Amino acid sequence: MATSADYLGYILDCLSEAPEITHRAMMGEYVIYCMGKVVGGIYDNRFLIKPTASAKRLMPDAPYELPYEGAKEMLLIEDTDNKAFLAELMSAVADELPAPKKKR
């Protein structure tokens, strides 16, 4: 099941307070970027984030889920309506991740 355009719009609205949020469609799903870094994605109408130390600290009870068969587990974001929390979470995760590699 691919992610619906309505769910993508809902999540992007929820992320409206987070800095520099962009997305890219990929095989019926969406990769989410914060400040140019891949922080997570939307898979089968589920908002998942990379399990960085800050994500685990901010969401200690979050369940791990597979975005798709053969992928690494990610954390499920269940509190999607809390814009302030999502802004803090996205910033913290992006700050932890390395800068994207330059394309040749």
PDB file of N, CA and C in Angstrom:
ATOM      1  N   MET A   1       0.842  -1.182   0.000  1.00  0.00           N
ATOM      2  CA  MET A   1       0.000   0.000   0.000  1.00  0.00           C
ATOM      3  C   MET A   1       0.888   1.247   0.000  1.00  0.00           C
ATOM      4  N   ALA A   2       0.693   2.102  -0.940  1.00  0.00           N
ATOM      5  CA  ALA A   2       1.466   3.345  -1.007  1.00  0.00           C
ATOM      6  C   ALA A   2       0.835   4.406  -0.111  1.00  0.00           C
ATOM      7  N   THR A   3       1.635   5.374   0.241  1.00  0.00           N
ATOM      8  CA  THR A   3       1.164   6.472   1.076  1.00  0.00           C
ATOM      9  C   THR A   3       0.249   7.387   0.270  1.00  0.00           C
ATOM     10  N   SER A   4      -0.836   7.834   0.895  1.00  0.00           N
ATOM     11  CA  SER A   4      -1.782   8.712   0.211  1.00  0.00           C
ATOM     12  C   SER A   4      -1.262  10.152   0.211  1.00  0.00           C
ATOM     13  N   ALA A   5      -1.679  10.910  -0.790  1.00  0.00           N
ATOM     14  CA  ALA A   5      -1.309  12.322  -0.875  1.00  0.00           C
ATOM     15  C   ALA A   5      -1.894  13.098   0.305  1.00  0.00           C
ATOM     16  N   ASP A   6      -3.065  12.697   0.775  1.00  0.00           N
ATOM     17  CA  ASP A   6      -3.685  13.357   1.934  1.00  0.00           C
ATOM     18  C   ASP A   6      -2.822  13.196   3.178  1.00  0.00           C
ATOM     19  N   TYR A   7      -2.279  11.990   3.397  1.00  0.00           N
ATOM     20  CA  TYR A   7      -1.442  11.760   4.579  1.00  0.00           C
ATOM     21  C   TYR A   7      -0.139  12.559   4.471  1.00  0.00           C
ATOM     22  N   LEU A   8       0.448  12.606   3.290  1.00  0.00           N
ATOM     23  CA  LEU A   8       1.648  13.422   3.084  1.00  0.00           C
ATOM     24  C   LEU A   8       1.356  14.877   3.442  1.00  0.00           C
ATOM     25  N   GLY A   9       0.262  15.420   2.949  1.00  0.00           N
ATOM     26  CA  GLY A   9      -0.102  16.804   3.249  1.00  0.00           C
ATOM     27  C   GLY A   9      -0.305  17.033   4.737  1.00  0.00           C
ATOM     28  N   TYR A  10      -0.936  16.068   5.394  1.00  0.00           N
ATOM     29  CA  TYR A  10      -1.157  16.158   6.839  1.00  0.00           C
ATOM     30  C   TYR A  10       0.182  16.212   7.586  1.00  0.00           C
ATOM     31  N   ILE A  11       1.120  15.319   7.244  1.00  0.00           N
ATOM     32  CA  ILE A  11       2.424  15.285   7.922  1.00  0.00           C
ATOM     33  C   ILE A  11       3.209  16.566   7.627  1.00  0.00           C
ATOM     34  N   LEU A  12       3.188  17.036   6.402  1.00  0.00           N
ATOM     35  CA  LEU A  12       3.905  18.278   6.081  1.00  0.00           C
ATOM     36  C   LEU A  12       3.327  19.454   6.863  1.00  0.00           C
ATOM     37  N   ASP A  13       2.022  19.475   7.063  1.00  0.00           N
ATOM     38  CA  ASP A  13       1.416  20.516   7.895  1.00  0.00           C
ATOM     39  C   ASP A  13       1.887  20.381   9.344  1.00  0.00           C
ATOM     40  N   CYS A  14       1.952  19.160   9.852  1.00  0.00           N
ATOM     41  CA  CYS A  14       2.420  18.917  11.214  1.00  0.00           C
ATOM     42  C   CYS A  14       3.881  19.344  11.385  1.00  0.00           C
ATOM     43  N   LEU A  15       4.655  19.302  10.322  1.00  0.00           N
ATOM     44  CA  LEU A  15       6.073  19.664  10.362  1.00  0.00           C
ATOM     45  C   LEU A  15       6.311  21.144  10.033  1.00  0.00           C
ATOM     46  N   SER A  16       5.254  21.920   9.985  1.00  0.00           N
ATOM     47  CA  SER A  16       5.370  23.319   9.542  1.00  0.00           C
ATOM     48  C   SER A  16       6.255  24.178  10.443  1.00  0.00           C
ATOM     49  N   GLU A  17       6.463  23.791  11.690  1.00  0.00           N
ATOM     50  CA  GLU A  17       7.316  24.567  12.593  1.00  0.00           C
ATOM     51  C   GLU A  17       8.771  24.079  12.603  1.00  0.00           C
ATOM     52  N   ALA A  18       9.034  22.960  11.954  1.00  0.00           N
ATOM     53  CA  ALA A  18      10.395  22.415  11.890  1.00  0.00           C
ATOM     54  C   ALA A  18      11.189  23.145  10.803  1.00  0.00           C
ATOM     55  N   PRO A  19      12.510  23.276  10.995  1.00  0.00           N
ATOM     56  CA  PRO A  19      13.314  24.030  10.027  1.00  0.00           C
ATOM     57  C   PRO A  19      13.607  23.257   8.743  1.00  0.00           C
ATOM     58  N   GLU A  20      13.474  23.946   7.637  1.00  0.00           N
ATOM     59  CA  GLU A  20      13.913  23.451   6.325  1.00  0.00           C
ATOM     60  C   GLU A  20      13.459  22.031   6.019  1.00  0.00           C
ATOM     61  N   ILE A  21      12.164  21.779   6.088  1.00  0.00           N
ATOM     62  CA  ILE A  21      11.613  20.464   5.770  1.00  0.00           C
ATOM     63  C   ILE A  21      11.323  20.383   4.277  1.00  0.00           C
ATOM     64  N   THR A  22      11.826  19.343   3.656  1.00  0.00           N
ATOM     65  CA  THR A  22      11.517  19.047   2.258  1.00  0.00           C
ATOM     66  C   THR A  22      11.201  17.562   2.165  1.00  0.00           C
ATOM     67  N   HIS A  23      10.702  17.157   1.020  1.00  0.00           N
ATOM     68  CA  HIS A  23      10.406  15.734   0.812  1.00  0.00           C
ATOM     69  C   HIS A  23      10.662  15.365  -0.638  1.00  0.00           C
ATOM     70  N   ARG A  24      10.810  14.082  -0.856  1.00  0.00           N
ATOM     71  CA  ARG A  24      11.025  13.555  -2.199  1.00  0.00           C
ATOM     72  C   ARG A  24      10.235  12.256  -2.337  1.00  0.00           C
ATOM     73  N   ALA A  25       9.489  12.150  -3.411  1.00  0.00           N
ATOM     74  CA  ALA A  25       8.744  10.929  -3.675  1.00  0.00           C
ATOM     75  C   ALA A  25       9.711   9.833  -4.102  1.00  0.00           C
ATOM     76  N   MET A  26       9.462   8.622  -3.590  1.00  0.00           N
ATOM     77  CA  MET A  26      10.316   7.495  -3.934  1.00  0.00           C
ATOM     78  C   MET A  26       9.490   6.209  -3.902  1.00  0.00           C
ATOM     79  N   MET A  27       9.177   5.676  -5.058  1.00  0.00           N
ATOM     80  CA  MET A  27       8.460   4.408  -5.204  1.00  0.00           C
ATOM     81  C   MET A  27       7.137   4.385  -4.423  1.00  0.00           C
ATOM     82  N   GLY A  28       6.352   5.446  -4.527  1.00  0.00           N
ATOM     83  CA  GLY A  28       5.055   5.504  -3.875  1.00  0.00           C
ATOM     84  C   GLY A  28       5.113   5.933  -2.422  1.00  0.00           C
ATOM     85  N   GLU A  29       6.286   6.179  -1.918  1.00  0.00           N
ATOM     86  CA  GLU A  29       6.472   6.626  -0.535  1.00  0.00           C
ATOM     87  C   GLU A  29       7.223   7.957  -0.565  1.00  0.00           C
ATOM     88  N   TYR A  30       7.555   8.489   0.609  1.00  0.00           N
ATOM     89  CA  TYR A  30       8.190   9.809   0.658  1.00  0.00           C
ATOM     90  C   TYR A  30       9.338   9.820   1.657  1.00  0.00           C
ATOM     91  N   VAL A  31      10.474  10.349   1.223  1.00  0.00           N
ATOM     92  CA  VAL A  31      11.624  10.546   2.098  1.00  0.00           C
ATOM     93  C   VAL A  31      11.513  11.968   2.640  1.00  0.00           C
ATOM     94  N   ILE A  32      11.739  12.130   3.947  1.00  0.00           N
ATOM     95  CA  ILE A  32      11.643  13.437   4.593  1.00  0.00           C
ATOM     96  C   ILE A  32      13.049  13.934   4.927  1.00  0.00           C
ATOM     97  N   TYR A  33      13.315  15.179   4.555  1.00  0.00           N
ATOM     98  CA  TYR A  33      14.603  15.826   4.810  1.00  0.00           C
ATOM     99  C   TYR A  33      14.402  16.983   5.784  1.00  0.00           C
ATOM    100  N   CYS A  34      15.364  17.183   6.652  1.00  0.00           N
ATOM    101  CA  CYS A  34      15.398  18.356   7.520  1.00  0.00           C
ATOM    102  C   CYS A  34      16.793  18.956   7.391  1.00  0.00           C
ATOM    103  N   MET A  35      16.855  20.204   7.000  1.00  0.00           N
ATOM    104  CA  MET A  35      18.127  20.900   6.790  1.00  0.00           C
ATOM    105  C   MET A  35      19.023  20.126   5.812  1.00  0.00           C
ATOM    106  N   GLY A  36      18.404  19.535   4.795  1.00  0.00           N
ATOM    107  CA  GLY A  36      19.137  18.827   3.752  1.00  0.00           C
ATOM    108  C   GLY A  36      19.563  17.415   4.103  1.00  0.00           C
ATOM    109  N   LYS A  37      19.184  16.916   5.283  1.00  0.00           N
ATOM    110  CA  LYS A  37      19.579  15.577   5.721  1.00  0.00           C
ATOM    111  C   LYS A  37      18.360  14.666   5.788  1.00  0.00           C
ATOM    112  N   VAL A  38      18.516  13.420   5.369  1.00  0.00           N
ATOM    113  CA  VAL A  38      17.424  12.449   5.449  1.00  0.00           C
ATOM    114  C   VAL A  38      17.213  12.092   6.918  1.00  0.00           C
ATOM    115  N   VAL A  39      16.037  12.448   7.442  1.00  0.00           N
ATOM    116  CA  VAL A  39      15.735  12.150   8.843  1.00  0.00           C
ATOM    117  C   VAL A  39      14.727  11.023   8.994  1.00  0.00           C
ATOM    118  N   GLY A  40      13.977  10.746   7.945  1.00  0.00           N
ATOM    119  CA  GLY A  40      12.969   9.697   8.033  1.00  0.00           C
ATOM    120  C   GLY A  40      12.169   9.619   6.760  1.00  0.00           C
ATOM    121  N   GLY A  41      10.943   9.126   6.901  1.00  0.00           N
ATOM    122  CA  GLY A  41      10.098   9.001   5.739  1.00  0.00           C
ATOM    123  C   GLY A  41       8.683   8.625   6.096  1.00  0.00           C
ATOM    124  N   ILE A  42       7.845   8.653   5.085  1.00  0.00           N
ATOM    125  CA  ILE A  42       6.457   8.251   5.234  1.00  0.00           C
ATOM    126  C   ILE A  42       6.285   6.986   4.400  1.00  0.00           C
ATOM    127  N   TYR A  43       5.919   5.911   5.063  1.00  0.00           N
ATOM    128  CA  TYR A  43       5.802   4.597   4.437  1.00  0.00           C
ATOM    129  C   TYR A  43       4.464   3.985   4.827  1.00  0.00           C
ATOM    130  N   ASP A  44       3.641   3.660   3.837  1.00  0.00           N
ATOM    131  CA  ASP A  44       2.326   3.051   4.098  1.00  0.00           C
ATOM    132  C   ASP A  44       1.531   3.856   5.123  1.00  0.00           C
ATOM    133  N   ASN A  45       1.504   5.172   4.939  1.00  0.00           N
ATOM    134  CA  ASN A  45       0.795   6.077   5.848  1.00  0.00           C
ATOM    135  C   ASN A  45       1.274   5.971   7.290  1.00  0.00           C
ATOM    136  N   ARG A  46       2.575   5.745   7.457  1.00  0.00           N
ATOM    137  CA  ARG A  46       3.212   5.752   8.781  1.00  0.00           C
ATOM    138  C   ARG A  46       4.401   6.694   8.698  1.00  0.00           C
ATOM    139  N   PHE A  47       4.561   7.551   9.699  1.00  0.00           N
ATOM    140  CA  PHE A  47       5.667   8.494   9.746  1.00  0.00           C
ATOM    141  C   PHE A  47       6.762   7.875  10.601  1.00  0.00           C
ATOM    142  N   LEU A  48       7.890   7.537   9.970  1.00  0.00           N
ATOM    143  CA  LEU A  48       9.003   6.873  10.644  1.00  0.00           C
ATOM    144  C   LEU A  48      10.235   7.768  10.625  1.00  0.00           C
ATOM    145  N   ILE A  49      11.058   7.645  11.663  1.00  0.00           N
ATOM    146  CA  ILE A  49      12.267   8.467  11.770  1.00  0.00           C
ATOM    147  C   ILE A  49      13.459   7.575  12.110  1.00  0.00           C
ATOM    148  N   LYS A  50      14.642   8.028  11.705  1.00  0.00           N
ATOM    149  CA  LYS A  50      15.859   7.271  12.013  1.00  0.00           C
ATOM    150  C   LYS A  50      16.032   7.165  13.529  1.00  0.00           C
ATOM    151  N   PRO A  51      16.459   6.008  14.016  1.00  0.00           N
ATOM    152  CA  PRO A  51      16.597   5.807  15.465  1.00  0.00           C
ATOM    153  C   PRO A  51      17.920   6.335  16.015  1.00  0.00           C
ATOM    154  N   THR A  52      18.108   7.643  15.938  1.00  0.00           N
ATOM    155  CA  THR A  52      19.314   8.265  16.484  1.00  0.00           C
ATOM    156  C   THR A  52      19.190   8.331  18.010  1.00  0.00           C
ATOM    157  N   ALA A  53      20.276   8.668  18.666  1.00  0.00           N
ATOM    158  CA  ALA A  53      20.263   8.765  20.130  1.00  0.00           C
ATOM    159  C   ALA A  53      19.232   9.788  20.606  1.00  0.00           C
ATOM    160  N   SER A  54      19.144  10.924  19.921  1.00  0.00           N
ATOM    161  CA  SER A  54      18.183  11.950  20.344  1.00  0.00           C
ATOM    162  C   SER A  54      16.742  11.503  20.098  1.00  0.00           C
ATOM    163  N   ALA A  55      16.493  10.797  19.004  1.00  0.00           N
ATOM    164  CA  ALA A  55      15.140  10.294  18.749  1.00  0.00           C
ATOM    165  C   ALA A  55      14.735   9.290  19.825  1.00  0.00           C
ATOM    166  N   LYS A  56      15.654   8.417  20.210  1.00  0.00           N
ATOM    167  CA  LYS A  56      15.361   7.440  21.267  1.00  0.00           C
ATOM    168  C   LYS A  56      15.149   8.132  22.608  1.00  0.00           C
ATOM    169  N   ARG A  57      15.897   9.197  22.858  1.00  0.00           N
ATOM    170  CA  ARG A  57      15.749   9.933  24.116  1.00  0.00           C
ATOM    171  C   ARG A  57      14.405  10.663  24.162  1.00  0.00           C
ATOM    172  N   LEU A  58      14.017  11.286  23.046  1.00  0.00           N
ATOM    173  CA  LEU A  58      12.774  12.051  22.998  1.00  0.00           C
ATOM    174  C   LEU A  58      11.534  11.162  22.902  1.00  0.00           C
ATOM    175  N   MET A  59      11.709   9.939  22.381  1.00  0.00           N
ATOM    176  CA  MET A  59      10.584   9.002  22.235  1.00  0.00           C
ATOM    177  C   MET A  59      10.986   7.635  22.792  1.00  0.00           C
ATOM    178  N   PRO A  60      11.200   7.527  24.097  1.00  0.00           N
ATOM    179  CA  PRO A  60      11.723   6.283  24.663  1.00  0.00           C
ATOM    180  C   PRO A  60      10.812   5.066  24.494  1.00  0.00           C
ATOM    181  N   ASP A  61       9.530   5.284  24.315  1.00  0.00           N
ATOM    182  CA  ASP A  61       8.591   4.167  24.197  1.00  0.00           C
ATOM    183  C   ASP A  61       8.130   3.924  22.765  1.00  0.00           C
ATOM    184  N   ALA A  62       8.730   4.617  21.811  1.00  0.00           N
ATOM    185  CA  ALA A  62       8.310   4.481  20.415  1.00  0.00           C
ATOM    186  C   ALA A  62       8.620   3.082  19.893  1.00  0.00           C
ATOM    187  N   PRO A  63       7.663   2.487  19.193  1.00  0.00           N
ATOM    188  CA  PRO A  63       7.918   1.160  18.625  1.00  0.00           C
ATOM    189  C   PRO A  63       8.811   1.242  17.385  1.00  0.00           C
ATOM    190  N   TYR A  64       9.586   0.199  17.176  1.00  0.00           N
ATOM    191  CA  TYR A  64      10.400   0.070  15.970  1.00  0.00           C
ATOM    192  C   TYR A  64       9.551  -0.610  14.901  1.00  0.00           C
ATOM    193  N   GLU A  65       9.655  -0.117  13.681  1.00  0.00           N
ATOM    194  CA  GLU A  65       8.934  -0.724  12.562  1.00  0.00           C
ATOM    195  C   GLU A  65       9.815  -0.701  11.321  1.00  0.00           C
ATOM    196  N   LEU A  66       9.559  -1.647  10.441  1.00  0.00           N
ATOM    197  CA  LEU A  66      10.269  -1.695   9.158  1.00  0.00           C
ATOM    198  C   LEU A  66       9.541  -0.820   8.153  1.00  0.00           C
ATOM    199  N   PRO A  67      10.249   0.094   7.508  1.00  0.00           N
ATOM    200  CA  PRO A  67       9.586   0.905   6.492  1.00  0.00           C
ATOM    201  C   PRO A  67       9.167   0.061   5.280  1.00  0.00           C
ATOM    202  N   TYR A  68       9.980  -0.924   4.937  1.00  0.00           N
ATOM    203  CA  TYR A  68       9.702  -1.834   3.834  1.00  0.00           C
ATOM    204  C   TYR A  68      10.585  -3.059   4.023  1.00  0.00           C
ATOM    205  N   GLU A  69      10.269  -4.114   3.331  1.00  0.00           N
ATOM    206  CA  GLU A  69      11.001  -5.379   3.446  1.00  0.00           C
ATOM    207  C   GLU A  69      12.485  -5.178   3.134  1.00  0.00           C
ATOM    208  N   GLY A  70      13.344  -5.632   4.032  1.00  0.00           N
ATOM    209  CA  GLY A  70      14.783  -5.565   3.834  1.00  0.00           C
ATOM    210  C   GLY A  70      15.435  -4.287   4.343  1.00  0.00           C
ATOM    211  N   ALA A  71      14.655  -3.355   4.857  1.00  0.00           N
ATOM    212  CA  ALA A  71      15.203  -2.089   5.367  1.00  0.00           C
ATOM    213  C   ALA A  71      15.566  -2.211   6.842  1.00  0.00           C
ATOM    214  N   LYS A  72      16.295  -1.223   7.328  1.00  0.00           N
ATOM    215  CA  LYS A  72      16.602  -1.152   8.755  1.00  0.00           C
ATOM    216  C   LYS A  72      15.379  -0.617   9.493  1.00  0.00           C
ATOM    217  N   GLU A  73      15.234  -1.036  10.741  1.00  0.00           N
ATOM    218  CA  GLU A  73      14.110  -0.564  11.537  1.00  0.00           C
ATOM    219  C   GLU A  73      14.224   0.927  11.825  1.00  0.00           C
ATOM    220  N   MET A  74      13.060   1.553  11.920  1.00  0.00           N
ATOM    221  CA  MET A  74      12.974   2.977  12.239  1.00  0.00           C
ATOM    222  C   MET A  74      11.956   3.133  13.366  1.00  0.00           C
ATOM    223  N   LEU A  75      11.937   4.311  13.964  1.00  0.00           N
ATOM    224  CA  LEU A  75      10.993   4.589  15.042  1.00  0.00           C
ATOM    225  C   LEU A  75       9.699   5.168  14.482  1.00  0.00           C
ATOM    226  N   LEU A  76       8.573   4.660  14.961  1.00  0.00           N
ATOM    227  CA  LEU A  76       7.266   5.162  14.553  1.00  0.00           C
ATOM    228  C   LEU A  76       6.927   6.410  15.374  1.00  0.00           C
ATOM    229  N   ILE A  77       6.584   7.485  14.698  1.00  0.00           N
ATOM    230  CA  ILE A  77       6.156   8.708  15.379  1.00  0.00           C
ATOM    231  C   ILE A  77       4.641   8.649  15.507  1.00  0.00           C
ATOM    232  N   GLU A  78       4.180   8.511  16.741  1.00  0.00           N
ATOM    233  CA  GLU A  78       2.745   8.394  16.976  1.00  0.00           C
ATOM    234  C   GLU A  78       2.105   9.738  17.315  1.00  0.00           C
ATOM    235  N   ASP A  79       2.852  10.656  17.921  1.00  0.00           N
ATOM    236  CA  ASP A  79       2.328  11.960  18.317  1.00  0.00           C
ATOM    237  C   ASP A  79       2.567  12.962  17.192  1.00  0.00           C
ATOM    238  N   THR A  80       1.839  12.806  16.101  1.00  0.00           N
ATOM    239  CA  THR A  80       2.071  13.656  14.934  1.00  0.00           C
ATOM    240  C   THR A  80       1.400  15.014  15.038  1.00  0.00           C
ATOM    241  N   ASP A  81       0.468  15.198  15.961  1.00  0.00           N
ATOM    242  CA  ASP A  81      -0.252  16.474  16.075  1.00  0.00           C
ATOM    243  C   ASP A  81       0.511  17.535  16.861  1.00  0.00           C
ATOM    244  N   ASN A  82       1.563  17.163  17.565  1.00  0.00           N
ATOM    245  CA  ASN A  82       2.305  18.096  18.409  1.00  0.00           C
ATOM    246  C   ASN A  82       3.408  18.757  17.579  1.00  0.00           C
ATOM    247  N   LYS A  83       3.097  19.910  16.980  1.00  0.00           N
ATOM    248  CA  LYS A  83       4.031  20.580  16.071  1.00  0.00           C
ATOM    249  C   LYS A  83       5.322  21.003  16.760  1.00  0.00           C
ATOM    250  N   ALA A  84       5.233  21.476  17.997  1.00  0.00           N
ATOM    251  CA  ALA A  84       6.431  21.905  18.730  1.00  0.00           C
ATOM    252  C   ALA A  84       7.347  20.716  18.995  1.00  0.00           C
ATOM    253  N   PHE A  85       6.763  19.590  19.377  1.00  0.00           N
ATOM    254  CA  PHE A  85       7.557  18.384  19.614  1.00  0.00           C
ATOM    255  C   PHE A  85       8.223  17.920  18.317  1.00  0.00           C
ATOM    256  N   LEU A  86       7.471  17.910  17.230  1.00  0.00           N
ATOM    257  CA  LEU A  86       8.033  17.476  15.945  1.00  0.00           C
ATOM    258  C   LEU A  86       9.165  18.388  15.497  1.00  0.00           C
ATOM    259  N   ALA A  87       9.035  19.682  15.722  1.00  0.00           N
ATOM    260  CA  ALA A  87      10.103  20.620  15.359  1.00  0.00           C
ATOM    261  C   ALA A  87      11.359  20.307  16.163  1.00  0.00           C
ATOM    262  N   GLU A  88      11.196  20.065  17.473  1.00  0.00           N
ATOM    263  CA  GLU A  88      12.335  19.716  18.321  1.00  0.00           C
ATOM    264  C   GLU A  88      12.968  18.393  17.877  1.00  0.00           C
ATOM    265  N   LEU A  89      12.135  17.408  17.590  1.00  0.00           N
ATOM    266  CA  LEU A  89      12.605  16.085  17.172  1.00  0.00           C
ATOM    267  C   LEU A  89      13.364  16.167  15.851  1.00  0.00           C
ATOM    268  N   MET A  90      12.799  16.831  14.857  1.00  0.00           N
ATOM    269  CA  MET A  90      13.444  16.930  13.543  1.00  0.00           C
ATOM    270  C   MET A  90      14.794  17.634  13.656  1.00  0.00           C
ATOM    271  N   SER A  91      14.833  18.728  14.403  1.00  0.00           N
ATOM    272  CA  SER A  91      16.089  19.471  14.568  1.00  0.00           C
ATOM    273  C   SER A  91      17.149  18.630  15.270  1.00  0.00           C
ATOM    274  N   ALA A  92      16.740  17.929  16.325  1.00  0.00           N
ATOM    275  CA  ALA A  92      17.686  17.110  17.092  1.00  0.00           C
ATOM    276  C   ALA A  92      18.250  15.987  16.234  1.00  0.00           C
ATOM    277  N   VAL A  93      17.403  15.320  15.478  1.00  0.00           N
ATOM    278  CA  VAL A  93      17.860  14.216  14.628  1.00  0.00           C
ATOM    279  C   VAL A  93      18.771  14.747  13.522  1.00  0.00           C
ATOM    280  N   ALA A  94      18.373  15.828  12.877  1.00  0.00           N
ATOM    281  CA  ALA A  94      19.193  16.403  11.796  1.00  0.00           C
ATOM    282  C   ALA A  94      20.558  16.837  12.320  1.00  0.00           C
ATOM    283  N   ASP A  95      20.597  17.416  13.523  1.00  0.00           N
ATOM    284  CA  ASP A  95      21.868  17.856  14.097  1.00  0.00           C
ATOM    285  C   ASP A  95      22.819  16.688  14.335  1.00  0.00           C
ATOM    286  N   GLU A  96      22.275  15.514  14.595  1.00  0.00           N
ATOM    287  CA  GLU A  96      23.099  14.327  14.869  1.00  0.00           C
ATOM    288  C   GLU A  96      23.650  13.667  13.613  1.00  0.00           C
ATOM    289  N   LEU A  97      22.980  13.843  12.511  1.00  0.00           N
ATOM    290  CA  LEU A  97      23.352  13.140  11.288  1.00  0.00           C
ATOM    291  C   LEU A  97      24.469  13.866  10.544  1.00  0.00           C
ATOM    292  N   PRO A  98      25.308  13.106   9.819  1.00  0.00           N
ATOM    293  CA  PRO A  98      26.384  13.742   9.053  1.00  0.00           C
ATOM    294  C   PRO A  98      25.822  14.537   7.871  1.00  0.00           C
ATOM    295  N   ALA A  99      26.608  15.470   7.406  1.00  0.00           N
ATOM    296  CA  ALA A  99      26.217  16.259   6.229  1.00  0.00           C
ATOM    297  C   ALA A  99      26.117  15.332   5.013  1.00  0.00           C
ATOM    298  N   PRO A 100      25.196  15.612   4.114  1.00  0.00           N
ATOM    299  CA  PRO A 100      25.084  14.764   2.925  1.00  0.00           C
ATOM    300  C   PRO A 100      26.346  14.855   2.082  1.00  0.00           C
ATOM    301  N   LYS A 101      26.674  13.754   1.420  1.00  0.00           N
ATOM    302  CA  LYS A 101      27.856  13.723   0.557  1.00  0.00           C
ATOM    303  C   LYS A 101      27.602  14.565  -0.685  1.00  0.00           C
ATOM    304  N   LYS A 102      28.639  15.257  -1.135  1.00  0.00           N
ATOM    305  CA  LYS A 102      28.548  16.085  -2.335  1.00  0.00           C
ATOM    306  C   LYS A 102      28.427  15.193  -3.565  1.00  0.00           C
ATOM    307  N   LYS A 103      27.549  15.579  -4.480  1.00  0.00           N
ATOM    308  CA  LYS A 103      27.419  14.855  -5.731  1.00  0.00           C
ATOM    309  C   LYS A 103      28.498  15.319  -6.687  1.00  0.00           C
ATOM    310  N   ARG A 104      28.984  14.390  -7.492  1.00  0.00           N
ATOM    311  CA  ARG A 104      30.041  14.730  -8.455  1.00  0.00           C
ATOM    312  C   ARG A 104      29.458  15.307  -9.706  1.00  0.00           C
TER     313      ARG A 104
END
